[in-house]
Amino acid sequence: MSSILVIFQSDSEQTEQRALAVAVGAVEAEGSIRLRRLAAAGAVEVGHKGYGRLQRADLLWADTVVAGLESDRPRAELDELLQLLSELDPGQVEGKQAWTFGPDGLTTGETEAQIFVESALRVAGITVLPTATLDVGHADNMTERLKEAGRLSGRRQRLPDAEPV
């Protein structure tokens, strides 16, 4: 069974729904999930409360880390994730994978925020999967495509293109 940590920054329902789609897909593939919302100080709660605060233990637990980014540009709520990643020993994250999705879901053009987070993941020693290896869904609906990407993560299939860049 694979362990998937879905981290998302969200001030809108759309990003939360997309993060939940990834989580549902992972569970359908018999993976275990943890959802963590990265929120700016004083941000209002989104659809569900109680996602919990991202902790180092979450990153160590996960086989795959998925980061859903709501903004095209890096925002302050990413600082918590970056701090935790900087404290990890590369030996602790060996074999872990990660991928991101932006405000438009899985797209070929990455946003500045995605590049920023993916760089931090790589520096920590986590293999970042190229978007092309995840966008296997043929559905027109981005939520369904993210759900399929969640299923792939839940099955813990090491993809051939998943080498560090």
N, C-alpha and C. Protein backbone atom coordinates (compact mmCIF):
# COMPACT_ATOMS: atom_id res chain seq x y z
N MET A 1 0.84 -1.17 0.00
CA MET A 1 0.00 0.00 0.00
C MET A 1 0.88 1.24 0.00
N SER A 2 0.50 2.22 -0.78
CA SER A 2 1.25 3.45 -0.90
C SER A 2 0.68 4.52 0.03
N SER A 3 1.55 5.41 0.49
CA SER A 3 1.14 6.51 1.37
C SER A 3 1.29 7.82 0.60
N ILE A 4 0.18 8.55 0.46
CA ILE A 4 0.18 9.77 -0.33
C ILE A 4 -0.18 10.95 0.55
N LEU A 5 0.69 11.95 0.56
CA LEU A 5 0.45 13.19 1.27
C LEU A 5 0.03 14.23 0.24
N VAL A 6 -1.18 14.74 0.38
CA VAL A 6 -1.68 15.77 -0.53
C VAL A 6 -1.69 17.10 0.24
N ILE A 7 -0.81 17.99 -0.19
CA ILE A 7 -0.69 19.31 0.41
C ILE A 7 -1.31 20.29 -0.58
N PHE A 8 -2.11 21.20 -0.10
CA PHE A 8 -2.66 22.18 -1.03
C PHE A 8 -2.79 23.53 -0.37
N GLN A 9 -2.56 24.57 -1.17
CA GLN A 9 -2.82 25.93 -0.72
C GLN A 9 -4.15 26.31 -1.34
N SER A 10 -5.04 26.87 -0.55
CA SER A 10 -6.35 27.13 -1.10
C SER A 10 -7.08 28.23 -0.36
N ASP A 11 -7.53 29.16 -1.14
CA ASP A 11 -8.48 30.15 -0.66
C ASP A 11 -9.78 29.98 -1.44
N SER A 12 -9.79 29.02 -2.34
CA SER A 12 -10.98 28.79 -3.16
C SER A 12 -11.37 27.32 -3.12
N GLU A 13 -12.61 27.09 -3.43
CA GLU A 13 -13.13 25.73 -3.42
C GLU A 13 -12.53 24.88 -4.54
N GLN A 14 -12.18 25.50 -5.66
CA GLN A 14 -11.70 24.73 -6.81
C GLN A 14 -10.40 23.97 -6.49
N THR A 15 -9.44 24.63 -5.87
CA THR A 15 -8.17 23.96 -5.56
C THR A 15 -8.40 22.87 -4.53
N GLU A 16 -9.25 23.14 -3.55
CA GLU A 16 -9.57 22.11 -2.55
C GLU A 16 -10.21 20.90 -3.23
N GLN A 17 -11.15 21.12 -4.13
CA GLN A 17 -11.80 20.01 -4.83
C GLN A 17 -10.80 19.19 -5.64
N ARG A 18 -9.85 19.86 -6.25
CA ARG A 18 -8.84 19.15 -7.03
C ARG A 18 -7.93 18.31 -6.13
N ALA A 19 -7.57 18.86 -4.98
CA ALA A 19 -6.76 18.10 -4.02
C ALA A 19 -7.54 16.88 -3.53
N LEU A 20 -8.82 17.07 -3.28
CA LEU A 20 -9.67 15.95 -2.84
C LEU A 20 -9.79 14.90 -3.94
N ALA A 21 -9.82 15.32 -5.21
CA ALA A 21 -9.89 14.37 -6.32
C ALA A 21 -8.64 13.49 -6.34
N VAL A 22 -7.48 14.09 -6.13
CA VAL A 22 -6.23 13.31 -6.06
C VAL A 22 -6.33 12.29 -4.93
N ALA A 23 -6.80 12.75 -3.77
CA ALA A 23 -6.92 11.87 -2.60
C ALA A 23 -7.90 10.73 -2.85
N VAL A 24 -9.03 11.02 -3.46
CA VAL A 24 -10.02 9.98 -3.76
C VAL A 24 -9.43 8.94 -4.72
N GLY A 25 -8.74 9.41 -5.75
CA GLY A 25 -8.10 8.47 -6.68
C GLY A 25 -7.10 7.56 -5.98
N ALA A 26 -6.31 8.15 -5.07
CA ALA A 26 -5.32 7.35 -4.34
C ALA A 26 -5.99 6.30 -3.47
N VAL A 27 -7.09 6.67 -2.81
CA VAL A 27 -7.82 5.72 -1.97
C VAL A 27 -8.44 4.62 -2.83
N GLU A 28 -8.96 4.99 -4.00
CA GLU A 28 -9.53 3.98 -4.90
C GLU A 28 -8.48 2.95 -5.33
N ALA A 29 -7.22 3.37 -5.36
CA ALA A 29 -6.13 2.45 -5.71
C ALA A 29 -5.53 1.81 -4.45
N GLU A 30 -6.27 1.90 -3.34
CA GLU A 30 -5.91 1.29 -2.07
C GLU A 30 -4.70 1.93 -1.40
N GLY A 31 -4.48 3.22 -1.67
CA GLY A 31 -3.42 3.96 -0.99
C GLY A 31 -3.96 4.58 0.29
N SER A 32 -3.05 4.94 1.17
CA SER A 32 -3.40 5.69 2.38
C SER A 32 -3.11 7.16 2.10
N ILE A 33 -3.95 8.04 2.64
CA ILE A 33 -3.76 9.46 2.36
C ILE A 33 -3.72 10.30 3.63
N ARG A 34 -3.08 11.44 3.51
CA ARG A 34 -3.17 12.52 4.48
C ARG A 34 -3.34 13.80 3.67
N LEU A 35 -4.28 14.63 4.09
CA LEU A 35 -4.52 15.92 3.45
C LEU A 35 -4.07 17.02 4.39
N ARG A 36 -3.31 17.98 3.86
CA ARG A 36 -2.85 19.11 4.66
C ARG A 36 -3.02 20.39 3.84
N ARG A 37 -3.70 21.36 4.43
CA ARG A 37 -3.90 22.65 3.76
C ARG A 37 -2.85 23.63 4.25
N LEU A 38 -2.20 24.28 3.29
CA LEU A 38 -1.27 25.36 3.61
C LEU A 38 -2.06 26.66 3.53
N ALA A 39 -2.23 27.32 4.64
CA ALA A 39 -3.05 28.53 4.67
C ALA A 39 -2.25 29.69 5.24
N ALA A 40 -2.48 30.85 4.68
CA ALA A 40 -1.86 32.06 5.22
C ALA A 40 -2.47 32.34 6.59
N ALA A 41 -1.71 33.00 7.43
CA ALA A 41 -2.21 33.36 8.76
C ALA A 41 -3.50 34.16 8.62
N GLY A 42 -4.51 33.75 9.38
CA GLY A 42 -5.79 34.44 9.37
C GLY A 42 -6.71 34.09 8.21
N ALA A 43 -6.32 33.13 7.37
CA ALA A 43 -7.16 32.74 6.23
C ALA A 43 -8.42 32.04 6.73
N VAL A 44 -9.53 32.27 6.06
CA VAL A 44 -10.77 31.60 6.41
C VAL A 44 -10.69 30.14 6.01
N GLU A 45 -11.44 29.31 6.71
CA GLU A 45 -11.48 27.88 6.39
C GLU A 45 -12.18 27.68 5.06
N VAL A 46 -11.76 26.68 4.34
CA VAL A 46 -12.44 26.30 3.11
C VAL A 46 -13.45 25.22 3.44
N GLY A 47 -13.93 24.50 2.47
CA GLY A 47 -15.01 23.54 2.63
C GLY A 47 -14.99 22.66 3.87
N HIS A 48 -13.87 22.11 4.20
CA HIS A 48 -13.76 21.22 5.35
C HIS A 48 -12.73 21.77 6.32
N LYS A 49 -13.02 21.65 7.57
CA LYS A 49 -12.05 22.07 8.58
C LYS A 49 -11.25 20.85 9.02
N GLY A 50 -10.16 21.09 9.68
CA GLY A 50 -9.44 20.00 10.32
C GLY A 50 -8.53 19.20 9.42
N TYR A 51 -7.96 19.81 8.40
CA TYR A 51 -6.99 19.08 7.59
C TYR A 51 -5.72 18.80 8.37
N GLY A 52 -5.51 19.55 9.41
CA GLY A 52 -4.31 19.37 10.21
C GLY A 52 -3.18 20.22 9.69
N ARG A 53 -2.21 20.40 10.53
CA ARG A 53 -1.04 21.22 10.20
C ARG A 53 0.05 20.32 9.64
N LEU A 54 0.67 20.74 8.55
CA LEU A 54 1.75 19.98 7.94
C LEU A 54 2.90 19.86 8.93
N GLN A 55 3.39 18.63 9.08
CA GLN A 55 4.50 18.38 9.99
C GLN A 55 5.55 17.52 9.29
N ARG A 56 6.72 17.53 9.85
CA ARG A 56 7.84 16.75 9.33
C ARG A 56 7.45 15.27 9.21
N ALA A 57 6.73 14.78 10.20
CA ALA A 57 6.31 13.37 10.21
C ALA A 57 5.47 13.03 8.98
N ASP A 58 4.69 13.98 8.48
CA ASP A 58 3.88 13.74 7.28
C ASP A 58 4.78 13.50 6.08
N LEU A 59 5.83 14.29 5.95
CA LEU A 59 6.75 14.14 4.82
C LEU A 59 7.53 12.83 4.91
N LEU A 60 7.88 12.42 6.10
CA LEU A 60 8.59 11.15 6.29
C LEU A 60 7.68 9.96 6.05
N TRP A 61 6.41 10.08 6.38
CA TRP A 61 5.42 9.01 6.22
C TRP A 61 5.12 8.73 4.75
N ALA A 62 5.08 9.77 3.95
CA ALA A 62 4.58 9.67 2.57
C ALA A 62 5.57 9.00 1.63
N ASP A 63 5.04 8.16 0.74
CA ASP A 63 5.81 7.65 -0.39
C ASP A 63 5.79 8.67 -1.52
N THR A 64 4.64 9.34 -1.64
CA THR A 64 4.44 10.35 -2.68
C THR A 64 3.86 11.60 -2.05
N VAL A 65 4.43 12.74 -2.42
CA VAL A 65 3.94 14.05 -1.97
C VAL A 65 3.34 14.75 -3.18
N VAL A 66 2.11 15.21 -3.05
CA VAL A 66 1.44 15.95 -4.12
C VAL A 66 1.17 17.35 -3.58
N ALA A 67 1.58 18.36 -4.33
CA ALA A 67 1.35 19.74 -3.91
C ALA A 67 0.44 20.43 -4.91
N GLY A 68 -0.71 20.86 -4.44
CA GLY A 68 -1.66 21.63 -5.25
C GLY A 68 -1.49 23.10 -4.96
N LEU A 69 -1.14 23.84 -5.98
CA LEU A 69 -0.82 25.26 -5.82
C LEU A 69 -1.87 26.12 -6.49
N GLU A 70 -2.42 27.02 -5.72
CA GLU A 70 -3.55 27.83 -6.20
C GLU A 70 -3.11 29.05 -7.00
N SER A 71 -1.94 29.55 -6.71
CA SER A 71 -1.48 30.78 -7.32
C SER A 71 -0.38 30.48 -8.33
N ASP A 72 -0.27 31.32 -9.33
CA ASP A 72 0.82 31.20 -10.30
C ASP A 72 2.17 31.53 -9.68
N ARG A 73 2.15 32.39 -8.65
CA ARG A 73 3.38 32.85 -8.01
C ARG A 73 3.48 32.28 -6.60
N PRO A 74 4.69 32.07 -6.11
CA PRO A 74 4.85 31.58 -4.73
C PRO A 74 4.24 32.57 -3.74
N ARG A 75 3.57 32.03 -2.71
CA ARG A 75 2.96 32.86 -1.68
C ARG A 75 3.51 32.46 -0.32
N ALA A 76 3.28 33.30 0.66
CA ALA A 76 3.85 33.15 2.01
C ALA A 76 3.52 31.81 2.66
N GLU A 77 2.36 31.24 2.38
CA GLU A 77 1.99 29.99 3.05
C GLU A 77 2.88 28.81 2.63
N LEU A 78 3.67 28.98 1.59
CA LEU A 78 4.61 27.93 1.19
C LEU A 78 5.83 27.88 2.10
N ASP A 79 6.05 28.92 2.88
CA ASP A 79 7.23 28.98 3.77
C ASP A 79 7.30 27.79 4.71
N GLU A 80 6.15 27.37 5.23
CA GLU A 80 6.12 26.24 6.17
C GLU A 80 6.62 24.96 5.49
N LEU A 81 6.16 24.71 4.28
CA LEU A 81 6.61 23.54 3.52
C LEU A 81 8.11 23.63 3.23
N LEU A 82 8.56 24.79 2.79
CA LEU A 82 9.98 24.96 2.47
C LEU A 82 10.86 24.76 3.69
N GLN A 83 10.42 25.24 4.83
CA GLN A 83 11.19 25.07 6.06
C GLN A 83 11.32 23.59 6.42
N LEU A 84 10.20 22.87 6.35
CA LEU A 84 10.23 21.44 6.68
C LEU A 84 11.10 20.66 5.70
N LEU A 85 11.02 20.99 4.43
CA LEU A 85 11.85 20.31 3.43
C LEU A 85 13.33 20.56 3.68
N SER A 86 13.67 21.77 4.09
CA SER A 86 15.08 22.10 4.33
C SER A 86 15.66 21.36 5.52
N GLU A 87 14.81 20.88 6.41
CA GLU A 87 15.27 20.16 7.60
C GLU A 87 15.42 18.66 7.38
N LEU A 88 14.99 18.16 6.23
CA LEU A 88 15.05 16.73 5.97
C LEU A 88 16.44 16.31 5.54
N ASP A 89 16.83 15.14 5.97
CA ASP A 89 18.07 14.52 5.54
C ASP A 89 17.76 13.74 4.27
N PRO A 90 18.53 13.93 3.20
CA PRO A 90 18.25 13.21 1.95
C PRO A 90 18.10 11.70 2.12
N GLY A 91 18.79 11.11 3.08
CA GLY A 91 18.66 9.67 3.31
C GLY A 91 17.27 9.29 3.80
N GLN A 92 16.58 10.23 4.42
CA GLN A 92 15.24 9.96 4.93
C GLN A 92 14.18 9.98 3.84
N VAL A 93 14.49 10.58 2.71
CA VAL A 93 13.50 10.72 1.65
C VAL A 93 13.86 9.93 0.39
N GLU A 94 14.86 9.10 0.50
CA GLU A 94 15.27 8.29 -0.64
C GLU A 94 14.11 7.45 -1.14
N GLY A 95 13.87 7.48 -2.44
CA GLY A 95 12.78 6.71 -3.05
C GLY A 95 11.44 7.41 -3.05
N LYS A 96 11.34 8.55 -2.41
CA LYS A 96 10.06 9.28 -2.40
C LYS A 96 9.90 10.05 -3.70
N GLN A 97 8.66 10.18 -4.10
CA GLN A 97 8.33 10.90 -5.32
C GLN A 97 7.41 12.06 -4.99
N ALA A 98 7.34 13.02 -5.90
CA ALA A 98 6.44 14.15 -5.72
C ALA A 98 5.98 14.65 -7.08
N TRP A 99 4.86 15.33 -7.07
CA TRP A 99 4.39 16.03 -8.26
C TRP A 99 3.51 17.18 -7.81
N THR A 100 3.34 18.12 -8.71
CA THR A 100 2.54 19.30 -8.39
C THR A 100 1.46 19.51 -9.44
N PHE A 101 0.44 20.24 -9.03
CA PHE A 101 -0.51 20.76 -10.01
C PHE A 101 -0.76 22.21 -9.67
N GLY A 102 -1.04 22.97 -10.71
CA GLY A 102 -1.23 24.41 -10.55
C GLY A 102 -2.68 24.80 -10.61
N PRO A 103 -2.94 26.10 -10.73
CA PRO A 103 -4.32 26.59 -10.75
C PRO A 103 -5.15 26.02 -11.90
N ASP A 104 -4.48 25.61 -12.97
CA ASP A 104 -5.18 25.01 -14.11
C ASP A 104 -5.12 23.49 -14.09
N GLY A 105 -4.67 22.92 -12.99
CA GLY A 105 -4.58 21.47 -12.86
C GLY A 105 -3.28 20.95 -13.45
N LEU A 106 -3.35 19.81 -14.12
CA LEU A 106 -2.18 19.22 -14.78
C LEU A 106 -2.04 19.87 -16.15
N THR A 107 -1.07 20.72 -16.27
CA THR A 107 -0.85 21.38 -17.56
C THR A 107 0.60 21.22 -17.95
N THR A 108 0.88 21.39 -19.21
CA THR A 108 2.26 21.24 -19.67
C THR A 108 3.13 22.42 -19.25
N GLY A 109 2.57 23.60 -19.15
CA GLY A 109 3.33 24.77 -18.73
C GLY A 109 3.24 24.94 -17.22
N GLU A 110 4.38 24.86 -16.55
CA GLU A 110 4.36 24.99 -15.10
C GLU A 110 4.39 26.45 -14.70
N THR A 111 3.79 26.73 -13.56
CA THR A 111 3.77 28.08 -13.03
C THR A 111 5.05 28.36 -12.26
N GLU A 112 5.27 29.62 -11.95
CA GLU A 112 6.41 30.00 -11.14
C GLU A 112 6.34 29.32 -9.77
N ALA A 113 5.15 29.21 -9.21
CA ALA A 113 4.99 28.56 -7.90
C ALA A 113 5.35 27.07 -7.99
N GLN A 114 4.95 26.40 -9.05
CA GLN A 114 5.28 24.98 -9.22
C GLN A 114 6.79 24.80 -9.35
N ILE A 115 7.43 25.62 -10.14
CA ILE A 115 8.88 25.52 -10.31
C ILE A 115 9.57 25.74 -8.96
N PHE A 116 9.10 26.69 -8.19
CA PHE A 116 9.64 27.00 -6.88
C PHE A 116 9.53 25.81 -5.93
N VAL A 117 8.35 25.23 -5.84
CA VAL A 117 8.13 24.09 -4.94
C VAL A 117 8.88 22.86 -5.43
N GLU A 118 8.85 22.60 -6.72
CA GLU A 118 9.55 21.43 -7.26
C GLU A 118 11.05 21.53 -7.02
N SER A 119 11.60 22.72 -7.11
CA SER A 119 13.04 22.92 -6.82
C SER A 119 13.34 22.57 -5.38
N ALA A 120 12.49 23.01 -4.46
CA ALA A 120 12.68 22.71 -3.03
C ALA A 120 12.57 21.21 -2.77
N LEU A 121 11.65 20.54 -3.44
CA LEU A 121 11.51 19.09 -3.30
C LEU A 121 12.77 18.38 -3.78
N ARG A 122 13.29 18.81 -4.93
CA ARG A 122 14.51 18.19 -5.47
C ARG A 122 15.70 18.40 -4.54
N VAL A 123 15.85 19.62 -4.04
CA VAL A 123 16.96 19.92 -3.12
C VAL A 123 16.87 19.03 -1.89
N ALA A 124 15.65 18.73 -1.43
CA ALA A 124 15.46 17.86 -0.27
C ALA A 124 15.79 16.41 -0.59
N GLY A 125 15.89 16.06 -1.88
CA GLY A 125 16.22 14.68 -2.27
C GLY A 125 15.04 13.87 -2.75
N ILE A 126 13.92 14.53 -2.99
CA ILE A 126 12.70 13.86 -3.46
C ILE A 126 12.66 13.94 -4.99
N THR A 127 12.34 12.82 -5.64
CA THR A 127 12.24 12.78 -7.09
C THR A 127 10.93 13.42 -7.53
N VAL A 128 11.02 14.41 -8.40
CA VAL A 128 9.84 15.10 -8.91
C VAL A 128 9.45 14.49 -10.24
N LEU A 129 8.21 14.04 -10.33
CA LEU A 129 7.71 13.43 -11.56
C LEU A 129 7.31 14.50 -12.57
N PRO A 130 7.71 14.36 -13.81
CA PRO A 130 7.26 15.30 -14.84
C PRO A 130 5.75 15.17 -15.04
N THR A 131 5.11 16.28 -15.28
CA THR A 131 3.66 16.30 -15.47
C THR A 131 3.22 15.33 -16.56
N ALA A 132 4.01 15.21 -17.61
CA ALA A 132 3.64 14.34 -18.73
C ALA A 132 3.45 12.89 -18.30
N THR A 133 4.14 12.44 -17.25
CA THR A 133 3.99 11.05 -16.80
C THR A 133 2.71 10.84 -16.02
N LEU A 134 2.07 11.92 -15.62
CA LEU A 134 0.85 11.83 -14.80
C LEU A 134 -0.41 12.11 -15.57
N ASP A 135 -0.32 12.86 -16.62
CA ASP A 135 -1.51 13.28 -17.35
C ASP A 135 -1.95 12.18 -18.30
N VAL A 136 -2.38 11.07 -17.70
CA VAL A 136 -2.77 9.91 -18.49
C VAL A 136 -4.27 9.85 -18.73
N GLY A 137 -5.01 10.67 -18.02
CA GLY A 137 -6.46 10.65 -18.15
C GLY A 137 -6.89 11.19 -19.49
N HIS A 138 -7.93 10.62 -20.00
CA HIS A 138 -8.47 11.08 -21.28
C HIS A 138 -9.74 11.88 -21.07
N ALA A 139 -10.10 12.09 -19.83
CA ALA A 139 -11.31 12.85 -19.53
C ALA A 139 -11.10 14.32 -19.84
N ASP A 140 -12.16 14.96 -20.29
CA ASP A 140 -12.10 16.40 -20.53
C ASP A 140 -12.10 17.17 -19.22
N ASN A 141 -12.61 16.55 -18.19
CA ASN A 141 -12.75 17.17 -16.89
C ASN A 141 -11.44 17.08 -16.11
N MET A 142 -10.90 18.22 -15.68
CA MET A 142 -9.61 18.22 -14.96
C MET A 142 -9.71 17.47 -13.65
N THR A 143 -10.85 17.53 -12.99
CA THR A 143 -11.02 16.80 -11.72
C THR A 143 -10.83 15.31 -11.95
N GLU A 144 -11.39 14.78 -13.01
CA GLU A 144 -11.24 13.35 -13.32
C GLU A 144 -9.80 13.01 -13.68
N ARG A 145 -9.12 13.90 -14.37
CA ARG A 145 -7.71 13.66 -14.72
C ARG A 145 -6.84 13.64 -13.46
N LEU A 146 -7.14 14.53 -12.51
CA LEU A 146 -6.39 14.53 -11.26
C LEU A 146 -6.69 13.28 -10.43
N LYS A 147 -7.92 12.83 -10.50
CA LYS A 147 -8.29 11.59 -9.80
C LYS A 147 -7.48 10.41 -10.35
N GLU A 148 -7.34 10.36 -11.67
CA GLU A 148 -6.54 9.29 -12.29
C GLU A 148 -5.07 9.40 -11.88
N ALA A 149 -4.54 10.61 -11.81
CA ALA A 149 -3.16 10.80 -11.34
C ALA A 149 -3.04 10.33 -9.89
N GLY A 150 -4.07 10.56 -9.09
CA GLY A 150 -4.09 10.06 -7.72
C GLY A 150 -4.09 8.54 -7.68
N ARG A 151 -4.81 7.91 -8.60
CA ARG A 151 -4.81 6.44 -8.68
C ARG A 151 -3.40 5.93 -9.00
N LEU A 152 -2.73 6.59 -9.93
CA LEU A 152 -1.35 6.18 -10.25
C LEU A 152 -0.47 6.27 -9.01
N SER A 153 -0.59 7.35 -8.27
CA SER A 153 0.21 7.51 -7.05
C SER A 153 -0.17 6.46 -6.02
N GLY A 154 -1.45 6.15 -5.93
CA GLY A 154 -1.92 5.15 -4.97
C GLY A 154 -1.40 3.76 -5.27
N ARG A 155 -1.18 3.49 -6.55
CA ARG A 155 -0.63 2.19 -6.94
C ARG A 155 0.88 2.15 -6.78
N ARG A 156 1.48 3.30 -6.55
CA ARG A 156 2.93 3.43 -6.34
C ARG A 156 3.71 2.84 -7.51
N GLN A 157 3.29 3.20 -8.70
CA GLN A 157 4.02 2.74 -9.87
C GLN A 157 5.18 3.69 -10.13
N ARG A 158 6.35 3.16 -10.11
CA ARG A 158 7.53 3.97 -10.43
C ARG A 158 7.57 4.11 -11.94
N LEU A 159 7.41 5.30 -12.41
CA LEU A 159 7.31 5.53 -13.84
C LEU A 159 8.71 5.69 -14.46
N PRO A 160 8.91 5.23 -15.69
CA PRO A 160 10.23 5.27 -16.30
C PRO A 160 10.79 6.67 -16.44
N ASP A 161 9.95 7.67 -16.61
CA ASP A 161 10.42 9.04 -16.77
C ASP A 161 10.60 9.74 -15.43
N ALA A 162 10.57 9.00 -14.35
CA ALA A 162 10.57 9.60 -13.02
C ALA A 162 11.96 9.80 -12.42
N GLU A 163 12.94 9.94 -13.26
CA GLU A 163 14.29 10.18 -12.77
C GLU A 163 14.46 11.64 -12.40
N PRO A 164 15.31 11.95 -11.44
CA PRO A 164 15.51 13.35 -11.07
C PRO A 164 15.97 14.17 -12.27
N VAL A 165 15.48 15.38 -12.35
CA VAL A 165 15.83 16.26 -13.45
C VAL A 165 16.96 17.17 -13.02
